[in-house]
Amino acid sequence: MPKMKTHKGAQARFKRTGTGKLRRRSQNKNHILEKKSPKRKRQLRRPASVSPADEPRIRDLGV
């Protein structure tokens, strides 16, 4: 049986850390940024963790 292919959409959105956890980009940073405070936008730059409940599903996508 051939190997499973990596889901490229998931590969672009999630990165694995050195310890094996999954990181994702923070939400609310795409548009309507004018009304958001500079502090809020600055804090959204940091990557967020993927929920432990969602991790197995994302790992199945080959990330």
C-alpha atoms as a PDB file:
ATOM      1  CA  MET A   1       0.000   0.000   0.000  1.00  0.00           C
ATOM      2  CA  PRO A   2       1.420   3.452  -0.881  1.00  0.00           C
ATOM      3  CA  LYS A   3       2.281   6.104   1.659  1.00  0.00           C
ATOM      4  CA  MET A   4      -0.355   8.681   2.621  1.00  0.00           C
ATOM      5  CA  LYS A   5       0.218  12.129   1.153  1.00  0.00           C
ATOM      6  CA  THR A   6       0.530  15.179   3.378  1.00  0.00           C
ATOM      7  CA  HIS A   7      -2.430  17.570   3.254  1.00  0.00           C
ATOM      8  CA  LYS A   8      -0.752  20.679   1.831  1.00  0.00           C
ATOM      9  CA  GLY A   9      -3.360  23.087   3.233  1.00  0.00           C
ATOM     10  CA  ALA A  10      -2.699  21.795   6.734  1.00  0.00           C
ATOM     11  CA  GLN A  11       1.048  21.788   6.141  1.00  0.00           C
ATOM     12  CA  ALA A  12       0.931  25.520   5.386  1.00  0.00           C
ATOM     13  CA  ARG A  13      -1.177  26.348   8.454  1.00  0.00           C
ATOM     14  CA  PHE A  14       0.446  24.254  11.181  1.00  0.00           C
ATOM     15  CA  LYS A  15       4.043  23.834  12.325  1.00  0.00           C
ATOM     16  CA  ARG A  16       5.421  21.275  14.735  1.00  0.00           C
ATOM     17  CA  THR A  17       7.578  22.522  17.635  1.00  0.00           C
ATOM     18  CA  GLY A  18      10.741  20.838  18.847  1.00  0.00           C
ATOM     19  CA  THR A  19       8.801  18.993  21.546  1.00  0.00           C
ATOM     20  CA  GLY A  20       6.194  17.745  19.050  1.00  0.00           C
ATOM     21  CA  LYS A  21       3.359  20.147  19.862  1.00  0.00           C
ATOM     22  CA  LEU A  22       1.473  21.895  17.067  1.00  0.00           C
ATOM     23  CA  ARG A  23       1.413  25.665  16.555  1.00  0.00           C
ATOM     24  CA  ARG A  24      -0.980  27.723  14.458  1.00  0.00           C
ATOM     25  CA  ARG A  25      -1.316  31.342  13.406  1.00  0.00           C
ATOM     26  CA  SER A  26      -3.484  33.542  15.635  1.00  0.00           C
ATOM     27  CA  GLN A  27      -6.929  34.442  14.365  1.00  0.00           C
ATOM     28  CA  ASN A  28      -8.298  38.017  14.008  1.00  0.00           C
ATOM     29  CA  LYS A  29      -5.216  39.341  12.177  1.00  0.00           C
ATOM     30  CA  ASN A  30      -6.529  39.440   8.575  1.00  0.00           C
ATOM     31  CA  HIS A  31      -8.757  42.456   8.116  1.00  0.00           C
ATOM     32  CA  ILE A  32     -10.644  45.181  10.044  1.00  0.00           C
ATOM     33  CA  LEU A  33      -7.349  45.981  11.792  1.00  0.00           C
ATOM     34  CA  GLU A  34      -7.969  49.729  12.057  1.00  0.00           C
ATOM     35  CA  LYS A  35     -10.208  49.469  15.108  1.00  0.00           C
ATOM     36  CA  LYS A  36      -7.958  47.012  16.930  1.00  0.00           C
ATOM     37  CA  SER A  37      -5.438  48.453  19.358  1.00  0.00           C
ATOM     38  CA  PRO A  38      -1.716  48.219  18.596  1.00  0.00           C
ATOM     39  CA  LYS A  39      -1.225  46.104  21.728  1.00  0.00           C
ATOM     40  CA  ARG A  40      -3.855  43.612  20.588  1.00  0.00           C
ATOM     41  CA  LYS A  41      -2.352  43.353  17.084  1.00  0.00           C
ATOM     42  CA  ARG A  42       1.136  42.940  18.534  1.00  0.00           C
ATOM     43  CA  GLN A  43       0.000  40.101  20.787  1.00  0.00           C
ATOM     44  CA  LEU A  44      -1.686  38.364  17.838  1.00  0.00           C
ATOM     45  CA  ARG A  45       1.693  37.983  16.143  1.00  0.00           C
ATOM     46  CA  ARG A  46       2.675  35.186  18.514  1.00  0.00           C
ATOM     47  CA  PRO A  47       1.727  31.697  17.357  1.00  0.00           C
ATOM     48  CA  ALA A  48      -1.053  29.960  19.281  1.00  0.00           C
ATOM     49  CA  SER A  49      -1.212  26.359  20.388  1.00  0.00           C
ATOM     50  CA  VAL A  50      -3.531  23.855  18.781  1.00  0.00           C
ATOM     51  CA  SER A  51      -6.159  22.459  21.126  1.00  0.00           C
ATOM     52  CA  PRO A  52      -5.267  18.989  22.457  1.00  0.00           C
ATOM     53  CA  ALA A  53      -8.646  17.737  21.217  1.00  0.00           C
ATOM     54  CA  ASP A  54      -7.787  18.781  17.636  1.00  0.00           C
ATOM     55  CA  GLU A  55      -4.183  17.541  17.585  1.00  0.00           C
ATOM     56  CA  PRO A  56      -4.918  13.914  16.549  1.00  0.00           C
ATOM     57  CA  ARG A  57      -7.067  15.071  13.622  1.00  0.00           C
ATOM     58  CA  ILE A  58      -4.330  17.412  12.378  1.00  0.00           C
ATOM     59  CA  ARG A  59      -1.670  14.720  12.805  1.00  0.00           C
ATOM     60  CA  ASP A  60      -3.770  12.438  10.580  1.00  0.00           C
ATOM     61  CA  LEU A  61      -3.368  15.034   7.822  1.00  0.00           C
ATOM     62  CA  GLY A  62       0.376  14.361   7.885  1.00  0.00           C
ATOM     63  CA  VAL A  63       1.594  17.465   9.691  1.00  0.00           C
END
